[in-house]
C-alpha atoms as a PDB file:
ATOM      1  CA  MET A   1     -13.972 -20.103  10.498  1.00  0.00           C
ATOM      2  CA  ARG A   2     -11.686 -18.724   7.782  1.00  0.00           C
ATOM      3  CA  ILE A   3     -10.716 -15.823  10.005  1.00  0.00           C
ATOM      4  CA  LEU A   4      -9.803 -18.206  12.813  1.00  0.00           C
ATOM      5  CA  LEU A   5      -7.665 -20.243  10.440  1.00  0.00           C
ATOM      6  CA  LEU A   6      -6.009 -17.084   9.181  1.00  0.00           C
ATOM      7  CA  ALA A   7      -5.329 -15.959  12.746  1.00  0.00           C
ATOM      8  CA  LEU A   8      -3.843 -19.342  13.535  1.00  0.00           C
ATOM      9  CA  SER A   9      -1.665 -19.068  10.438  1.00  0.00           C
ATOM     10  CA  VAL A  10      -0.493 -15.636  11.565  1.00  0.00           C
ATOM     11  CA  ILE A  11       0.503 -17.024  14.944  1.00  0.00           C
ATOM     12  CA  ILE A  12       2.268 -20.047  13.491  1.00  0.00           C
ATOM     13  CA  LEU A  13       4.084 -18.098  10.803  1.00  0.00           C
ATOM     14  CA  SER A  14       4.916 -15.062  12.921  1.00  0.00           C
ATOM     15  CA  GLY A  15       8.533 -16.151  13.202  1.00  0.00           C
ATOM     16  CA  CYS A  16       8.937 -16.641   9.470  1.00  0.00           C
ATOM     17  CA  GLY A  17       9.271 -12.973   8.505  1.00  0.00           C
ATOM     18  CA  ILE A  18       6.012 -12.718   6.616  1.00  0.00           C
ATOM     19  CA  ASN A  19       3.976 -10.856   9.250  1.00  0.00           C
ATOM     20  CA  GLU A  20       3.611  -7.789   7.084  1.00  0.00           C
ATOM     21  CA  GLU A  21       2.274  -9.809   4.176  1.00  0.00           C
ATOM     22  CA  LEU A  22      -0.216 -11.643   6.394  1.00  0.00           C
ATOM     23  CA  ASP A  23      -1.273  -8.383   8.051  1.00  0.00           C
ATOM     24  CA  SER A  24      -1.824  -6.893   4.609  1.00  0.00           C
ATOM     25  CA  MET A  25      -3.922  -9.877   3.549  1.00  0.00           C
ATOM     26  CA  LEU A  26      -5.989  -9.644   6.718  1.00  0.00           C
ATOM     27  CA  LEU A  27      -6.504  -5.913   6.220  1.00  0.00           C
ATOM     28  CA  GLU A  28      -7.688  -6.547   2.664  1.00  0.00           C
ATOM     29  CA  GLN A  29     -10.169  -9.121   3.959  1.00  0.00           C
ATOM     30  CA  HIS A  30     -11.428  -6.608   6.514  1.00  0.00           C
ATOM     31  CA  LYS A  31     -11.727  -3.903   3.850  1.00  0.00           C
ATOM     32  CA  LYS A  32     -13.728  -6.249   1.630  1.00  0.00           C
ATOM     33  CA  LYS A  33     -16.037  -7.117   4.492  1.00  0.00           C
ATOM     34  CA  CYS A  34     -16.622  -3.428   5.320  1.00  0.00           C
ATOM     35  CA  ASP A  35     -17.208  -2.750   1.612  1.00  0.00           C
ATOM     36  CA  ASP A  36     -19.719  -5.612   1.558  1.00  0.00           C
ATOM     37  CA  TYR A  37     -21.475  -4.103   4.584  1.00  0.00           C
ATOM     38  CA  GLY A  38     -21.950  -0.965   2.507  1.00  0.00           C
ATOM     39  CA  PHE A  39     -19.623   1.414   4.332  1.00  0.00           C
ATOM     40  CA  GLN A  40     -18.026   4.121   2.204  1.00  0.00           C
ATOM     41  CA  ARG A  41     -14.218   4.092   2.190  1.00  0.00           C
ATOM     42  CA  GLY A  42     -12.769   7.110   3.945  1.00  0.00           C
ATOM     43  CA  SER A  43     -15.778   7.578   6.210  1.00  0.00           C
ATOM     44  CA  ASP A  44     -15.730   7.381   9.997  1.00  0.00           C
ATOM     45  CA  ALA A  45     -18.116   4.430   9.785  1.00  0.00           C
ATOM     46  CA  TYR A  46     -15.684   2.591   7.502  1.00  0.00           C
ATOM     47  CA  ALA A  47     -12.784   3.261   9.886  1.00  0.00           C
ATOM     48  CA  ASN A  48     -14.911   2.047  12.784  1.00  0.00           C
ATOM     49  CA  CYS A  49     -15.799  -1.089  10.837  1.00  0.00           C
ATOM     50  CA  LEU A  50     -12.107  -1.846  10.248  1.00  0.00           C
ATOM     51  CA  MET A  51     -11.317  -1.165  13.889  1.00  0.00           C
ATOM     52  CA  ARG A  52     -14.110  -3.431  15.146  1.00  0.00           C
ATOM     53  CA  LEU A  53     -13.031  -6.272  12.857  1.00  0.00           C
ATOM     54  CA  ALA A  54      -9.449  -5.932  14.106  1.00  0.00           C
ATOM     55  CA  GLU A  55     -10.664  -5.930  17.714  1.00  0.00           C
ATOM     56  CA  MET A  56     -12.716  -9.058  17.084  1.00  0.00           C
ATOM     57  CA  GLU A  57      -9.714 -10.707  15.445  1.00  0.00           C
ATOM     58  CA  ASP A  58      -7.546  -9.859  18.453  1.00  0.00           C
ATOM     59  CA  ALA A  59     -10.194 -11.185  20.859  1.00  0.00           C
ATOM     60  CA  ASP A  60     -10.455 -14.454  18.908  1.00  0.00           C
ATOM     61  CA  GLU A  61      -6.678 -14.823  18.950  1.00  0.00           C
ATOM     62  CA  GLN A  62      -6.566 -14.174  22.688  1.00  0.00           C
ATOM     63  CA  LYS A  63      -9.287 -16.769  23.329  1.00  0.00           C
ATOM     64  CA  MET A  64      -7.320 -19.314  21.343  1.00  0.00           C
ATOM     65  CA  LEU A  65      -4.155 -18.548  23.302  1.00  0.00           C
ATOM     66  CA  ASP A  66      -6.058 -18.767  26.589  1.00  0.00           C
ATOM     67  CA  ARG A  67      -7.499 -22.165  25.632  1.00  0.00           C
ATOM     68  CA  GLU A  68      -4.039 -23.370  24.659  1.00  0.00           C
ATOM     69  CA  ALA A  69      -2.572 -22.188  27.962  1.00  0.00           C
ATOM     70  CA  LYS A  70      -5.347 -23.906  29.935  1.00  0.00           C
ATOM     71  CA  SER A  71      -4.823 -27.179  28.079  1.00  0.00           C
ATOM     72  CA  LYS A  72      -1.140 -27.174  29.028  1.00  0.00           C
ATOM     73  CA  LYS A  73      -1.906 -26.995  32.757  1.00  0.00           C
END
C-alpha cells in the first residue's frame, strides 16, 4: 500500500520539479527491500531484485492510469 501511495505521489508531483528526489527515495526503498531479502549489494541477484521491484512499480502505476482512464469514459 505504501508503494502505491508513493507511486501516486510521484505522478501527482511530477510537474513540481522533485522527480529526482522522489526517484532517489524510491530507489532507497527498493535497496532496503532487496537488503531485507538477503541479496548482497553488487551481485547480479541484487541488481535483478532492484529491476524486478522497478518493473512491479511501473506495472502498478500503469494499472492505476488504466483504471483512471476507464473511469473517465
